[in-house]
């Protein structure tokens, strides 16, 4: 089994009511529990909206990242799967699709130290 990173981007831009937020969080919890029961969930967290960007040879530090709301990375998960296709199939259960978000899936390469 290999490890894959799910990067969650976008999602609904409008403000959600407290009830909608609660319902959405329950869907996420259910999906993650299903991945855990299947033995493929390795970890993950939501990400704060702010941060810093360090760039260039002068290592300039600026506020950011700034992107269109549909491009903002909101969180990540790490799962185990046999193939990229299997990891993509597992991602289809993600609640982010109900709010027009996307899941980018990347295989994590093993690094020999």
PDB file of N, CA and C in Angstrom:
ATOM      1  N   UNK A   1       0.844  -1.186   0.000  1.00  0.00           N
ATOM      2  CA  UNK A   1       0.000   0.000   0.000  1.00  0.00           C
ATOM      3  C   UNK A   1       0.884   1.243   0.000  1.00  0.00           C
ATOM      4  N   UNK A   2       0.466   2.214  -0.778  1.00  0.00           N
ATOM      5  CA  UNK A   2       1.154   3.505  -0.839  1.00  0.00           C
ATOM      6  C   UNK A   2       0.301   4.553  -0.132  1.00  0.00           C
ATOM      7  N   UNK A   3       0.937   5.668   0.213  1.00  0.00           N
ATOM      8  CA  UNK A   3       0.218   6.776   0.844  1.00  0.00           C
ATOM      9  C   UNK A   3      -0.100   7.838  -0.201  1.00  0.00           C
ATOM     10  N   UNK A   4      -1.289   8.427  -0.049  1.00  0.00           N
ATOM     11  CA  UNK A   4      -1.757   9.467  -0.957  1.00  0.00           C
ATOM     12  C   UNK A   4      -2.250  10.644  -0.140  1.00  0.00           C
ATOM     13  N   UNK A   5      -2.006  11.844  -0.666  1.00  0.00           N
ATOM     14  CA  UNK A   5      -2.435  13.080  -0.028  1.00  0.00           C
ATOM     15  C   UNK A   5      -3.666  13.596  -0.756  1.00  0.00           C
ATOM     16  N   UNK A   6      -4.707  13.894  -0.002  1.00  0.00           N
ATOM     17  CA  UNK A   6      -5.885  14.574  -0.541  1.00  0.00           C
ATOM     18  C   UNK A   6      -5.775  16.035  -0.142  1.00  0.00           C
ATOM     19  N   UNK A   7      -5.773  16.925  -1.117  1.00  0.00           N
ATOM     20  CA  UNK A   7      -5.818  18.362  -0.854  1.00  0.00           C
ATOM     21  C   UNK A   7      -7.220  18.843  -1.196  1.00  0.00           C
ATOM     22  N   UNK A   8      -7.897  19.422  -0.233  1.00  0.00           N
ATOM     23  CA  UNK A   8      -9.268  19.884  -0.421  1.00  0.00           C
ATOM     24  C   UNK A   8      -9.250  21.351  -0.796  1.00  0.00           C
ATOM     25  N   UNK A   9      -9.849  21.653  -1.942  1.00  0.00           N
ATOM     26  CA  UNK A   9      -9.878  23.024  -2.454  1.00  0.00           C
ATOM     27  C   UNK A   9     -11.316  23.503  -2.600  1.00  0.00           C
ATOM     28  N   UNK A  10     -11.486  24.798  -2.310  1.00  0.00           N
ATOM     29  CA  UNK A  10     -12.776  25.431  -2.563  1.00  0.00           C
ATOM     30  C   UNK A  10     -13.856  24.965  -1.621  1.00  0.00           C
ATOM     31  N   UNK A  11     -15.010  24.790  -2.160  1.00  0.00           N
ATOM     32  CA  UNK A  11     -16.185  24.531  -1.357  1.00  0.00           C
ATOM     33  C   UNK A  11     -17.074  25.753  -1.437  1.00  0.00           C
ATOM     34  N   UNK A  12     -18.199  25.680  -0.877  1.00  0.00           N
ATOM     35  CA  UNK A  12     -19.190  26.749  -0.989  1.00  0.00           C
ATOM     36  C   UNK A  12     -18.681  28.052  -0.400  1.00  0.00           C
ATOM     37  N   UNK A  13     -18.802  29.131  -1.166  1.00  0.00           N
ATOM     38  CA  UNK A  13     -18.329  30.425  -0.727  1.00  0.00           C
ATOM     39  C   UNK A  13     -19.304  31.170   0.173  1.00  0.00           C
ATOM     40  N   UNK A  14     -20.579  30.823   0.122  1.00  0.00           N
ATOM     41  CA  UNK A  14     -21.559  31.559   0.927  1.00  0.00           C
ATOM     42  C   UNK A  14     -21.445  31.169   2.389  1.00  0.00           C
ATOM     43  N   UNK A  15     -21.952  32.025   3.241  1.00  0.00           N
ATOM     44  CA  UNK A  15     -21.948  31.734   4.671  1.00  0.00           C
ATOM     45  C   UNK A  15     -22.984  30.661   4.980  1.00  0.00           C
ATOM     46  N   UNK A  16     -22.595  29.720   5.790  1.00  0.00           N
ATOM     47  CA  UNK A  16     -23.502  28.654   6.198  1.00  0.00           C
ATOM     48  C   UNK A  16     -24.089  28.983   7.559  1.00  0.00           C
ATOM     49  N   UNK A  17     -25.316  28.550   7.763  1.00  0.00           N
ATOM     50  CA  UNK A  17     -25.945  28.709   9.074  1.00  0.00           C
ATOM     51  C   UNK A  17     -25.281  27.735  10.044  1.00  0.00           C
ATOM     52  N   UNK A  18     -25.420  27.959  11.345  1.00  0.00           N
ATOM     53  CA  UNK A  18     -24.861  27.011  12.311  1.00  0.00           C
ATOM     54  C   UNK A  18     -25.377  25.583  12.085  1.00  0.00           C
ATOM     55  N   UNK A  19     -26.638  25.448  11.701  1.00  0.00           N
ATOM     56  CA  UNK A  19     -27.205  24.119  11.444  1.00  0.00           C
ATOM     57  C   UNK A  19     -26.549  23.471  10.224  1.00  0.00           C
ATOM     58  N   UNK A  20     -26.306  24.274   9.168  1.00  0.00           N
ATOM     59  CA  UNK A  20     -25.660  23.752   7.965  1.00  0.00           C
ATOM     60  C   UNK A  20     -24.215  23.356   8.254  1.00  0.00           C
ATOM     61  N   UNK A  21     -23.533  24.152   9.056  1.00  0.00           N
ATOM     62  CA  UNK A  21     -22.153  23.832   9.442  1.00  0.00           C
ATOM     63  C   UNK A  21     -22.121  22.518  10.211  1.00  0.00           C
ATOM     64  N   UNK A  22     -23.031  22.358  11.162  1.00  0.00           N
ATOM     65  CA  UNK A  22     -23.088  21.134  11.963  1.00  0.00           C
ATOM     66  C   UNK A  22     -23.361  19.912  11.081  1.00  0.00           C
ATOM     67  N   UNK A  23     -24.308  20.040  10.174  1.00  0.00           N
ATOM     68  CA  UNK A  23     -24.661  18.935   9.283  1.00  0.00           C
ATOM     69  C   UNK A  23     -23.476  18.579   8.386  1.00  0.00           C
ATOM     70  N   UNK A  24     -22.781  19.604   7.871  1.00  0.00           N
ATOM     71  CA  UNK A  24     -21.623  19.380   7.029  1.00  0.00           C
ATOM     72  C   UNK A  24     -20.501  18.693   7.798  1.00  0.00           C
ATOM     73  N   UNK A  25     -20.252  19.131   9.021  1.00  0.00           N
ATOM     74  CA  UNK A  25     -19.202  18.515   9.845  1.00  0.00           C
ATOM     75  C   UNK A  25     -19.529  17.058  10.159  1.00  0.00           C
ATOM     76  N   UNK A  26     -20.791  16.748  10.366  1.00  0.00           N
ATOM     77  CA  UNK A  26     -21.199  15.364  10.604  1.00  0.00           C
ATOM     78  C   UNK A  26     -20.908  14.499   9.380  1.00  0.00           C
ATOM     79  N   UNK A  27     -21.150  15.038   8.182  1.00  0.00           N
ATOM     80  CA  UNK A  27     -20.855  14.293   6.952  1.00  0.00           C
ATOM     81  C   UNK A  27     -19.358  14.008   6.832  1.00  0.00           C
ATOM     82  N   UNK A  28     -18.547  15.014   7.144  1.00  0.00           N
ATOM     83  CA  UNK A  28     -17.095  14.815   7.112  1.00  0.00           C
ATOM     84  C   UNK A  28     -16.678  13.751   8.130  1.00  0.00           C
ATOM     85  N   UNK A  29     -17.232  13.848   9.340  1.00  0.00           N
ATOM     86  CA  UNK A  29     -16.899  12.868  10.380  1.00  0.00           C
ATOM     87  C   UNK A  29     -17.283  11.459   9.970  1.00  0.00           C
ATOM     88  N   UNK A  30     -18.443  11.303   9.375  1.00  0.00           N
ATOM     89  CA  UNK A  30     -18.899   9.982   8.914  1.00  0.00           C
ATOM     90  C   UNK A  30     -17.964   9.431   7.849  1.00  0.00           C
ATOM     91  N   UNK A  31     -17.590  10.281   6.873  1.00  0.00           N
ATOM     92  CA  UNK A  31     -16.703   9.833   5.801  1.00  0.00           C
ATOM     93  C   UNK A  31     -15.342   9.418   6.345  1.00  0.00           C
ATOM     94  N   UNK A  32     -14.793  10.203   7.257  1.00  0.00           N
ATOM     95  CA  UNK A  32     -13.486   9.874   7.838  1.00  0.00           C
ATOM     96  C   UNK A  32     -13.580   8.599   8.681  1.00  0.00           C
ATOM     97  N   UNK A  33     -14.679   8.404   9.396  1.00  0.00           N
ATOM     98  CA  UNK A  33     -14.874   7.156  10.150  1.00  0.00           C
ATOM     99  C   UNK A  33     -14.922   5.958   9.218  1.00  0.00           C
ATOM    100  N   UNK A  34     -15.563   6.098   8.067  1.00  0.00           N
ATOM    101  CA  UNK A  34     -15.606   5.013   7.089  1.00  0.00           C
ATOM    102  C   UNK A  34     -14.208   4.678   6.582  1.00  0.00           C
ATOM    103  N   UNK A  35     -13.402   5.716   6.310  1.00  0.00           N
ATOM    104  CA  UNK A  35     -12.019   5.482   5.885  1.00  0.00           C
ATOM    105  C   UNK A  35     -11.217   4.806   6.996  1.00  0.00           C
ATOM    106  N   UNK A  36     -11.462   5.207   8.236  1.00  0.00           N
ATOM    107  CA  UNK A  36     -10.767   4.607   9.380  1.00  0.00           C
ATOM    108  C   UNK A  36     -11.127   3.140   9.537  1.00  0.00           C
ATOM    109  N   UNK A  37     -12.419   2.838   9.449  1.00  0.00           N
ATOM    110  CA  UNK A  37     -12.868   1.444   9.573  1.00  0.00           C
ATOM    111  C   UNK A  37     -12.293   0.568   8.474  1.00  0.00           C
ATOM    112  N   UNK A  38     -12.080   1.159   7.288  1.00  0.00           N
ATOM    113  CA  UNK A  38     -11.495   0.418   6.172  1.00  0.00           C
ATOM    114  C   UNK A  38      -9.977   0.272   6.327  1.00  0.00           C
ATOM    115  N   UNK A  39      -9.413   0.941   7.332  1.00  0.00           N
ATOM    116  CA  UNK A  39      -7.982   0.836   7.600  1.00  0.00           C
ATOM    117  C   UNK A  39      -7.107   1.646   6.662  1.00  0.00           C
ATOM    118  N   UNK A  40      -7.677   2.672   5.994  1.00  0.00           N
ATOM    119  CA  UNK A  40      -6.897   3.448   5.033  1.00  0.00           C
ATOM    120  C   UNK A  40      -6.619   4.881   5.479  1.00  0.00           C
ATOM    121  N   UNK A  41      -7.295   5.354   6.519  1.00  0.00           N
ATOM    122  CA  UNK A  41      -7.093   6.726   7.001  1.00  0.00           C
ATOM    123  C   UNK A  41      -5.818   6.791   7.825  1.00  0.00           C
ATOM    124  N   UNK A  42      -4.931   7.745   7.489  1.00  0.00           N
ATOM    125  CA  UNK A  42      -3.674   7.891   8.208  1.00  0.00           C
ATOM    126  C   UNK A  42      -3.601   9.189   9.007  1.00  0.00           C
ATOM    127  N   UNK A  43      -4.393  10.205   8.624  1.00  0.00           N
ATOM    128  CA  UNK A  43      -4.381  11.467   9.341  1.00  0.00           C
ATOM    129  C   UNK A  43      -4.850  12.594   8.460  1.00  0.00           C
ATOM    130  N   UNK A  44      -5.005  13.761   9.061  1.00  0.00           N
ATOM    131  CA  UNK A  44      -5.410  14.936   8.308  1.00  0.00           C
ATOM    132  C   UNK A  44      -6.012  15.983   9.217  1.00  0.00           C
ATOM    133  N   UNK A  45      -6.066  17.210   8.728  1.00  0.00           N
ATOM    134  CA  UNK A  45      -6.588  18.333   9.499  1.00  0.00           C
ATOM    135  C   UNK A  45      -7.113  19.395   8.552  1.00  0.00           C
ATOM    136  N   UNK A  46      -8.053  20.223   9.041  1.00  0.00           N
ATOM    137  CA  UNK A  46      -8.404  21.425   8.279  1.00  0.00           C
ATOM    138  C   UNK A  46      -7.263  22.430   8.409  1.00  0.00           C
ATOM    139  N   UNK A  47      -7.200  23.366   7.480  1.00  0.00           N
ATOM    140  CA  UNK A  47      -6.155  24.391   7.514  1.00  0.00           C
ATOM    141  C   UNK A  47      -6.767  25.758   7.738  1.00  0.00           C
ATOM    142  N   UNK A  48      -6.055  26.613   8.461  1.00  0.00           N
ATOM    143  CA  UNK A  48      -6.475  27.983   8.675  1.00  0.00           C
ATOM    144  C   UNK A  48      -6.380  28.740   7.359  1.00  0.00           C
ATOM    145  N   UNK A  49      -7.188  29.766   7.194  1.00  0.00           N
ATOM    146  CA  UNK A  49      -7.211  30.522   5.949  1.00  0.00           C
ATOM    147  C   UNK A  49      -6.017  31.422   5.731  1.00  0.00           C
ATOM    148  N   UNK A  50      -5.352  31.851   6.784  1.00  0.00           N
ATOM    149  CA  UNK A  50      -4.210  32.753   6.648  1.00  0.00           C
ATOM    150  C   UNK A  50      -2.902  32.008   6.636  1.00  0.00           C
ATOM    151  N   UNK A  51      -1.833  32.755   6.494  1.00  0.00           N
ATOM    152  CA  UNK A  51      -0.512  32.155   6.523  1.00  0.00           C
ATOM    153  C   UNK A  51       0.518  33.111   5.967  1.00  0.00           C
ATOM    154  N   UNK A  52       1.666  32.586   5.651  1.00  0.00           N
ATOM    155  CA  UNK A  52       2.763  33.329   5.047  1.00  0.00           C
ATOM    156  C   UNK A  52       3.283  32.545   3.852  1.00  0.00           C
ATOM    157  N   UNK A  53       3.887  33.268   2.913  1.00  0.00           N
ATOM    158  CA  UNK A  53       4.541  32.660   1.764  1.00  0.00           C
ATOM    159  C   UNK A  53       5.987  33.135   1.768  1.00  0.00           C
ATOM    160  N   UNK A  54       6.923  32.199   1.669  1.00  0.00           N
ATOM    161  CA  UNK A  54       8.342  32.527   1.547  1.00  0.00           C
ATOM    162  C   UNK A  54       8.736  32.174   0.119  1.00  0.00           C
ATOM    163  N   UNK A  55       9.292  33.142  -0.614  1.00  0.00           N
ATOM    164  CA  UNK A  55       9.562  32.904  -2.027  1.00  0.00           C
ATOM    165  C   UNK A  55      10.850  33.579  -2.487  1.00  0.00           C
ATOM    166  N   UNK A  56      11.391  33.038  -3.565  1.00  0.00           N
ATOM    167  CA  UNK A  56      12.534  33.626  -4.247  1.00  0.00           C
ATOM    168  C   UNK A  56      13.859  33.401  -3.561  1.00  0.00           C
ATOM    169  N   UNK A  57      14.918  33.764  -4.274  1.00  0.00           N
ATOM    170  CA  UNK A  57      16.260  33.565  -3.733  1.00  0.00           C
ATOM    171  C   UNK A  57      16.528  34.439  -2.515  1.00  0.00           C
ATOM    172  N   UNK A  58      15.788  35.557  -2.398  1.00  0.00           N
ATOM    173  CA  UNK A  58      15.936  36.435  -1.234  1.00  0.00           C
ATOM    174  C   UNK A  58      15.033  36.015  -0.085  1.00  0.00           C
ATOM    175  N   UNK A  59      14.267  34.956  -0.313  1.00  0.00           N
ATOM    176  CA  UNK A  59      13.380  34.395   0.717  1.00  0.00           C
ATOM    177  C   UNK A  59      12.459  35.459   1.306  1.00  0.00           C
ATOM    178  N   UNK A  60      11.834  36.215   0.427  1.00  0.00           N
ATOM    179  CA  UNK A  60      10.917  37.273   0.810  1.00  0.00           C
ATOM    180  C   UNK A  60       9.673  36.664   1.450  1.00  0.00           C
ATOM    181  N   UNK A  61       9.310  37.157   2.620  1.00  0.00           N
ATOM    182  CA  UNK A  61       8.140  36.670   3.350  1.00  0.00           C
ATOM    183  C   UNK A  61       6.990  37.654   3.139  1.00  0.00           C
ATOM    184  N   UNK A  62       5.865  37.134   2.646  1.00  0.00           N
ATOM    185  CA  UNK A  62       4.675  37.959   2.439  1.00  0.00           C
ATOM    186  C   UNK A  62       3.468  37.271   3.060  1.00  0.00           C
ATOM    187  N   UNK A  63       2.420  38.058   3.274  1.00  0.00           N
ATOM    188  CA  UNK A  63       1.160  37.466   3.726  1.00  0.00           C
ATOM    189  C   UNK A  63       0.591  36.630   2.592  1.00  0.00           C
ATOM    190  N   UNK A  64      -0.172  35.622   2.958  1.00  0.00           N
ATOM    191  CA  UNK A  64      -0.793  34.782   1.934  1.00  0.00           C
ATOM    192  C   UNK A  64      -1.078  33.429   2.526  1.00  0.00           C
ATOM    193  N   UNK A  65      -1.400  32.494   1.765  1.00  0.00           N
ATOM    194  CA  UNK A  65      -1.568  32.567   0.314  1.00  0.00           C
ATOM    195  C   UNK A  65      -2.881  33.244  -0.059  1.00  0.00           C
ATOM    196  N   UNK A  66      -2.868  33.958  -1.177  1.00  0.00           N
ATOM    197  CA  UNK A  66      -4.080  34.591  -1.669  1.00  0.00           C
ATOM    198  C   UNK A  66      -4.423  33.965  -3.009  1.00  0.00           C
ATOM    199  N   UNK A  67      -5.619  33.489  -3.118  1.00  0.00           N
ATOM    200  CA  UNK A  67      -6.088  32.862  -4.355  1.00  0.00           C
ATOM    201  C   UNK A  67      -7.590  33.024  -4.416  1.00  0.00           C
ATOM    202  N   UNK A  68      -8.147  32.717  -5.578  1.00  0.00           N
ATOM    203  CA  UNK A  68      -9.603  32.697  -5.674  1.00  0.00           C
ATOM    204  C   UNK A  68     -10.127  31.655  -4.697  1.00  0.00           C
ATOM    205  N   UNK A  69     -11.309  31.878  -4.165  1.00  0.00           N
ATOM    206  CA  UNK A  69     -11.839  30.974  -3.136  1.00  0.00           C
ATOM    207  C   UNK A  69     -11.894  29.531  -3.605  1.00  0.00           C
ATOM    208  N   UNK A  70     -12.111  29.297  -4.889  1.00  0.00           N
ATOM    209  CA  UNK A  70     -12.177  27.924  -5.389  1.00  0.00           C
ATOM    210  C   UNK A  70     -10.801  27.262  -5.428  1.00  0.00           C
ATOM    211  N   UNK A  71      -9.734  28.058  -5.307  1.00  0.00           N
ATOM    212  CA  UNK A  71      -8.375  27.519  -5.347  1.00  0.00           C
ATOM    213  C   UNK A  71      -7.740  27.379  -3.968  1.00  0.00           C
ATOM    214  N   UNK A  72      -8.366  27.919  -2.932  1.00  0.00           N
ATOM    215  CA  UNK A  72      -7.793  27.892  -1.600  1.00  0.00           C
ATOM    216  C   UNK A  72      -7.780  26.452  -1.067  1.00  0.00           C
ATOM    217  N   UNK A  73      -6.627  26.040  -0.545  1.00  0.00           N
ATOM    218  CA  UNK A  73      -6.517  24.720   0.072  1.00  0.00           C
ATOM    219  C   UNK A  73      -7.076  24.835   1.485  1.00  0.00           C
ATOM    220  N   UNK A  74      -8.141  24.085   1.768  1.00  0.00           N
ATOM    221  CA  UNK A  74      -8.834  24.169   3.050  1.00  0.00           C
ATOM    222  C   UNK A  74      -8.395  23.111   4.050  1.00  0.00           C
ATOM    223  N   UNK A  75      -7.792  22.048   3.576  1.00  0.00           N
ATOM    224  CA  UNK A  75      -7.385  20.980   4.471  1.00  0.00           C
ATOM    225  C   UNK A  75      -6.783  19.833   3.685  1.00  0.00           C
ATOM    226  N   UNK A  76      -6.424  18.790   4.416  1.00  0.00           N
ATOM    227  CA  UNK A  76      -5.799  17.638   3.776  1.00  0.00           C
ATOM    228  C   UNK A  76      -6.100  16.376   4.563  1.00  0.00           C
ATOM    229  N   UNK A  77      -5.974  15.242   3.894  1.00  0.00           N
ATOM    230  CA  UNK A  77      -5.993  13.921   4.523  1.00  0.00           C
ATOM    231  C   UNK A  77      -4.889  13.107   3.890  1.00  0.00           C
ATOM    232  N   UNK A  78      -4.408  12.120   4.612  1.00  0.00           N
ATOM    233  CA  UNK A  78      -3.493  11.136   4.059  1.00  0.00           C
ATOM    234  C   UNK A  78      -4.172   9.787   4.194  1.00  0.00           C
ATOM    235  N   UNK A  79      -4.238   9.067   3.072  1.00  0.00           N
ATOM    236  CA  UNK A  79      -4.844   7.736   3.061  1.00  0.00           C
ATOM    237  C   UNK A  79      -3.883   6.753   2.418  1.00  0.00           C
ATOM    238  N   UNK A  80      -4.106   5.472   2.674  1.00  0.00           N
ATOM    239  CA  UNK A  80      -3.347   4.405   2.035  1.00  0.00           C
ATOM    240  C   UNK A  80      -4.223   3.748   0.986  1.00  0.00           C
ATOM    241  N   UNK A  81      -3.622   3.438  -0.145  1.00  0.00           N
ATOM    242  CA  UNK A  81      -4.341   2.746  -1.212  1.00  0.00           C
ATOM    243  C   UNK A  81      -3.328   1.976  -2.055  1.00  0.00           C
ATOM    244  N   UNK A  82      -3.819   0.994  -2.795  1.00  0.00           N
ATOM    245  CA  UNK A  82      -2.925   0.200  -3.648  1.00  0.00           C
ATOM    246  C   UNK A  82      -2.476   0.978  -4.869  1.00  0.00           C
ATOM    247  N   UNK A  83      -3.369   1.824  -5.406  1.00  0.00           N
ATOM    248  CA  UNK A  83      -3.075   2.561  -6.628  1.00  0.00           C
ATOM    249  C   UNK A  83      -3.685   3.958  -6.553  1.00  0.00           C
ATOM    250  N   UNK A  84      -3.263   4.815  -7.467  1.00  0.00           N
ATOM    251  CA  UNK A  84      -3.848   6.144  -7.581  1.00  0.00           C
ATOM    252  C   UNK A  84      -5.335   6.035  -7.923  1.00  0.00           C
ATOM    253  N   UNK A  85      -5.686   5.085  -8.774  1.00  0.00           N
ATOM    254  CA  UNK A  85      -7.095   4.887  -9.137  1.00  0.00           C
ATOM    255  C   UNK A  85      -7.929   4.508  -7.919  1.00  0.00           C
ATOM    256  N   UNK A  86      -7.389   3.670  -7.050  1.00  0.00           N
ATOM    257  CA  UNK A  86      -8.115   3.295  -5.832  1.00  0.00           C
ATOM    258  C   UNK A  86      -8.248   4.497  -4.897  1.00  0.00           C
ATOM    259  N   UNK A  87      -7.199   5.309  -4.790  1.00  0.00           N
ATOM    260  CA  UNK A  87      -7.264   6.505  -3.958  1.00  0.00           C
ATOM    261  C   UNK A  87      -8.328   7.472  -4.499  1.00  0.00           C
ATOM    262  N   UNK A  88      -8.430   7.582  -5.817  1.00  0.00           N
ATOM    263  CA  UNK A  88      -9.447   8.436  -6.434  1.00  0.00           C
ATOM    264  C   UNK A  88     -10.848   7.904  -6.135  1.00  0.00           C
ATOM    265  N   UNK A  89     -11.001   6.619  -6.165  1.00  0.00           N
ATOM    266  CA  UNK A  89     -12.303   6.018  -5.865  1.00  0.00           C
ATOM    267  C   UNK A  89     -12.698   6.296  -4.410  1.00  0.00           C
ATOM    268  N   UNK A  90     -11.756   6.187  -3.493  1.00  0.00           N
ATOM    269  CA  UNK A  90     -12.032   6.489  -2.088  1.00  0.00           C
ATOM    270  C   UNK A  90     -12.439   7.946  -1.901  1.00  0.00           C
ATOM    271  N   UNK A  91     -11.841   8.841  -2.685  1.00  0.00           N
ATOM    272  CA  UNK A  91     -12.126  10.268  -2.573  1.00  0.00           C
ATOM    273  C   UNK A  91     -13.549  10.617  -2.995  1.00  0.00           C
ATOM    274  N   UNK A  92     -14.176   9.772  -3.782  1.00  0.00           N
ATOM    275  CA  UNK A  92     -15.526  10.060  -4.272  1.00  0.00           C
ATOM    276  C   UNK A  92     -16.550  10.180  -3.153  1.00  0.00           C
ATOM    277  N   UNK A  93     -16.265   9.666  -1.965  1.00  0.00           N
ATOM    278  CA  UNK A  93     -17.179   9.778  -0.838  1.00  0.00           C
ATOM    279  C   UNK A  93     -17.064  11.084  -0.072  1.00  0.00           C
ATOM    280  N   UNK A  94     -16.140  11.952  -0.479  1.00  0.00           N
ATOM    281  CA  UNK A  94     -15.881  13.194   0.244  1.00  0.00           C
ATOM    282  C   UNK A  94     -17.063  14.161   0.160  1.00  0.00           C
ATOM    283  N   UNK A  95     -17.473  14.742   1.288  1.00  0.00           N
ATOM    284  CA  UNK A  95     -18.577  15.703   1.300  1.00  0.00           C
ATOM    285  C   UNK A  95     -18.284  17.021   0.583  1.00  0.00           C
ATOM    286  N   UNK A  96     -17.045  17.314   0.255  1.00  0.00           N
ATOM    287  CA  UNK A  96     -16.732  18.594  -0.377  1.00  0.00           C
ATOM    288  C   UNK A  96     -17.413  18.760  -1.727  1.00  0.00           C
ATOM    289  N   UNK A  97     -17.741  17.644  -2.375  1.00  0.00           N
ATOM    290  CA  UNK A  97     -18.382  17.724  -3.684  1.00  0.00           C
ATOM    291  C   UNK A  97     -19.791  18.299  -3.588  1.00  0.00           C
ATOM    292  N   UNK A  98     -20.402  18.209  -2.415  1.00  0.00           N
ATOM    293  CA  UNK A  98     -21.744  18.758  -2.216  1.00  0.00           C
ATOM    294  C   UNK A  98     -21.720  20.289  -2.163  1.00  0.00           C
ATOM    295  N   UNK A  99     -20.534  20.872  -1.974  1.00  0.00           N
ATOM    296  CA  UNK A  99     -20.411  22.331  -1.897  1.00  0.00           C
ATOM    297  C   UNK A  99     -19.476  22.863  -2.993  1.00  0.00           C
ATOM    298  N   UNK A 100     -19.415  22.150  -4.117  1.00  0.00           N
ATOM    299  CA  UNK A 100     -18.669  22.567  -5.307  1.00  0.00           C
ATOM    300  C   UNK A 100     -17.161  22.645  -5.095  1.00  0.00           C
ATOM    301  N   UNK A 101     -16.628  21.868  -4.161  1.00  0.00           N
ATOM    302  CA  UNK A 101     -15.190  21.824  -3.947  1.00  0.00           C
ATOM    303  C   UNK A 101     -14.555  20.697  -4.746  1.00  0.00           C
ATOM    304  N   UNK A 102     -13.240  20.604  -4.650  1.00  0.00           N
ATOM    305  CA  UNK A 102     -12.495  19.564  -5.354  1.00  0.00           C
ATOM    306  C   UNK A 102     -11.521  18.864  -4.407  1.00  0.00           C
ATOM    307  N   UNK A 103     -11.106  17.673  -4.822  1.00  0.00           N
ATOM    308  CA  UNK A 103     -10.071  16.926  -4.106  1.00  0.00           C
ATOM    309  C   UNK A 103      -8.939  16.660  -5.094  1.00  0.00           C
ATOM    310  N   UNK A 104      -7.766  17.198  -4.788  1.00  0.00           N
ATOM    311  CA  UNK A 104      -6.569  16.880  -5.566  1.00  0.00           C
ATOM    312  C   UNK A 104      -5.896  15.704  -4.877  1.00  0.00           C
ATOM    313  N   UNK A 105      -5.517  14.697  -5.642  1.00  0.00           N
ATOM    314  CA  UNK A 105      -4.922  13.485  -5.077  1.00  0.00           C
ATOM    315  C   UNK A 105      -3.497  13.367  -5.587  1.00  0.00           C
ATOM    316  N   UNK A 106      -2.557  13.239  -4.648  1.00  0.00           N
ATOM    317  CA  UNK A 106      -1.146  13.118  -5.005  1.00  0.00           C
ATOM    318  C   UNK A 106      -0.523  11.968  -4.240  1.00  0.00           C
ATOM    319  N   UNK A 107       0.221  11.135  -4.950  1.00  0.00           N
ATOM    320  CA  UNK A 107       0.939  10.056  -4.276  1.00  0.00           C
ATOM    321  C   UNK A 107       2.121  10.649  -3.521  1.00  0.00           C
ATOM    322  N   UNK A 108       2.337  10.160  -2.305  1.00  0.00           N
ATOM    323  CA  UNK A 108       3.474  10.605  -1.488  1.00  0.00           C
ATOM    324  C   UNK A 108       4.640   9.667  -1.787  1.00  0.00           C
ATOM    325  N   UNK A 109       5.704  10.228  -2.259  1.00  0.00           N
ATOM    326  CA  UNK A 109       6.871   9.430  -2.606  1.00  0.00           C
ATOM    327  C   UNK A 109       7.655   9.066  -1.348  1.00  0.00           C
ATOM    328  N   UNK A 110       8.144   7.855  -1.318  1.00  0.00           N
ATOM    329  CA  UNK A 110       9.022   7.436  -0.230  1.00  0.00           C
ATOM    330  C   UNK A 110      10.408   8.036  -0.492  1.00  0.00           C
ATOM    331  N   UNK A 111      11.001   8.615   0.539  1.00  0.00           N
ATOM    332  CA  UNK A 111      12.325   9.227   0.400  1.00  0.00           C
ATOM    333  C   UNK A 111      13.298   8.426   1.256  1.00  0.00           C
ATOM    334  N   UNK A 112      14.377   8.001   0.622  1.00  0.00           N
ATOM    335  CA  UNK A 112      15.418   7.266   1.340  1.00  0.00           C
ATOM    336  C   UNK A 112      16.362   8.259   1.967  1.00  0.00           C
ATOM    337  N   UNK A 113      16.575   8.152   3.265  1.00  0.00           N
ATOM    338  CA  UNK A 113      17.489   9.057   3.964  1.00  0.00           C
ATOM    339  C   UNK A 113      18.763   8.332   4.297  1.00  0.00           C
TER     340      UNK A 113
END
